[in-house]
Amino acid sequence: MEPTNIELYDLVLKDAPFIIAGYGVLWAALVVYISLVLRRILRLEREVKAVEDSVARRTGDAVS
């Protein structure tokens, strides 16, 4: 292998743990964000259902 390629591979391999850690942090943040959004969506669906039930009881209509 050429000396230039050896030097480039040495530089890249020294930085690999930082790149891997950066991607790990990025994926972890993405998973946390998606889980928070899903929790909020589920909570809002429950609240909408409660409001629909309340309106149905007050009007005597069945809201589907």
C-alpha atoms as a PDB file:
ATOM      1  CA  MET A   1       0.000   0.000   0.000  1.00  0.00           C
ATOM      2  CA  GLU A   2       1.194   3.517  -0.706  1.00  0.00           C
ATOM      3  CA  PRO A   3       2.484   5.623   2.199  1.00  0.00           C
ATOM      4  CA  THR A   4      -0.141   8.294   1.502  1.00  0.00           C
ATOM      5  CA  ASN A   5      -2.954   5.766   1.824  1.00  0.00           C
ATOM      6  CA  ILE A   6      -1.479   4.382   5.038  1.00  0.00           C
ATOM      7  CA  GLU A   7      -1.360   7.881   6.517  1.00  0.00           C
ATOM      8  CA  LEU A   8      -4.961   8.601   5.479  1.00  0.00           C
ATOM      9  CA  TYR A   9      -6.230   5.327   6.954  1.00  0.00           C
ATOM     10  CA  ASP A  10      -4.370   6.063  10.196  1.00  0.00           C
ATOM     11  CA  LEU A  11      -6.023   9.479  10.425  1.00  0.00           C
ATOM     12  CA  VAL A  12      -9.490   8.097   9.740  1.00  0.00           C
ATOM     13  CA  LEU A  13      -9.165   5.202  12.160  1.00  0.00           C
ATOM     14  CA  LYS A  14      -8.078   7.534  14.971  1.00  0.00           C
ATOM     15  CA  ASP A  15     -11.264   9.571  14.527  1.00  0.00           C
ATOM     16  CA  ALA A  16     -13.591   6.593  14.089  1.00  0.00           C
ATOM     17  CA  PRO A  17     -14.624   6.352  17.782  1.00  0.00           C
ATOM     18  CA  PHE A  18     -15.736   9.989  17.759  1.00  0.00           C
ATOM     19  CA  ILE A  19     -17.737   9.502  14.573  1.00  0.00           C
ATOM     20  CA  ILE A  20     -19.358   6.355  15.944  1.00  0.00           C
ATOM     21  CA  ALA A  21     -20.154   8.112  19.222  1.00  0.00           C
ATOM     22  CA  GLY A  22     -21.646  11.052  17.322  1.00  0.00           C
ATOM     23  CA  TYR A  23     -23.928   8.787  15.322  1.00  0.00           C
ATOM     24  CA  GLY A  24     -24.867   6.941  18.517  1.00  0.00           C
ATOM     25  CA  VAL A  25     -25.867  10.187  20.213  1.00  0.00           C
ATOM     26  CA  LEU A  26     -27.805  11.224  17.124  1.00  0.00           C
ATOM     27  CA  TRP A  27     -29.751   7.941  17.011  1.00  0.00           C
ATOM     28  CA  ALA A  28     -30.434   8.066  20.753  1.00  0.00           C
ATOM     29  CA  ALA A  29     -31.769  11.617  20.460  1.00  0.00           C
ATOM     30  CA  LEU A  30     -33.942  10.579  17.523  1.00  0.00           C
ATOM     31  CA  VAL A  31     -35.407   7.642  19.457  1.00  0.00           C
ATOM     32  CA  VAL A  32     -36.142   9.874  22.461  1.00  0.00           C
ATOM     33  CA  TYR A  33     -37.775  12.509  20.247  1.00  0.00           C
ATOM     34  CA  ILE A  34     -39.961   9.982  18.437  1.00  0.00           C
ATOM     35  CA  SER A  35     -41.039   8.367  21.708  1.00  0.00           C
ATOM     36  CA  LEU A  36     -41.964  11.765  23.171  1.00  0.00           C
ATOM     37  CA  VAL A  37     -43.985  12.645  20.070  1.00  0.00           C
ATOM     38  CA  LEU A  38     -45.793   9.295  20.154  1.00  0.00           C
ATOM     39  CA  ARG A  39     -46.628   9.722  23.847  1.00  0.00           C
ATOM     40  CA  ARG A  40     -48.028  13.175  23.144  1.00  0.00           C
ATOM     41  CA  ILE A  41     -50.108  11.878  20.224  1.00  0.00           C
ATOM     42  CA  LEU A  42     -51.558   9.083  22.367  1.00  0.00           C
ATOM     43  CA  ARG A  43     -52.380  11.527  25.159  1.00  0.00           C
ATOM     44  CA  LEU A  44     -54.094  13.875  22.715  1.00  0.00           C
ATOM     45  CA  GLU A  45     -56.116  11.003  21.252  1.00  0.00           C
ATOM     46  CA  ARG A  46     -57.340  10.127  24.760  1.00  0.00           C
ATOM     47  CA  GLU A  47     -58.263  13.758  25.400  1.00  0.00           C
ATOM     48  CA  VAL A  48     -60.161  14.006  22.099  1.00  0.00           C
ATOM     49  CA  LYS A  49     -62.020  10.795  22.935  1.00  0.00           C
ATOM     50  CA  ALA A  50     -62.947  12.206  26.355  1.00  0.00           C
ATOM     51  CA  VAL A  51     -64.237  15.423  24.776  1.00  0.00           C
ATOM     52  CA  GLU A  52     -66.227  13.448  22.194  1.00  0.00           C
ATOM     53  CA  ASP A  53     -67.774  11.337  24.957  1.00  0.00           C
ATOM     54  CA  SER A  54     -68.616  14.447  26.955  1.00  0.00           C
ATOM     55  CA  VAL A  55     -70.256  16.100  23.951  1.00  0.00           C
ATOM     56  CA  ALA A  56     -72.166  12.906  23.174  1.00  0.00           C
ATOM     57  CA  ARG A  57     -73.503  12.724  26.732  1.00  0.00           C
ATOM     58  CA  ARG A  58     -74.597  16.366  26.694  1.00  0.00           C
ATOM     59  CA  THR A  59     -76.310  16.194  23.321  1.00  0.00           C
ATOM     60  CA  GLY A  60     -77.571  12.650  23.604  1.00  0.00           C
ATOM     61  CA  ASP A  61     -75.948  11.725  20.298  1.00  0.00           C
ATOM     62  CA  ALA A  62     -73.461   8.953  19.741  1.00  0.00           C
ATOM     63  CA  VAL A  63     -70.257  10.340  18.227  1.00  0.00           C
ATOM     64  CA  SER A  64     -68.198   7.710  16.465  1.00  0.00           C
END
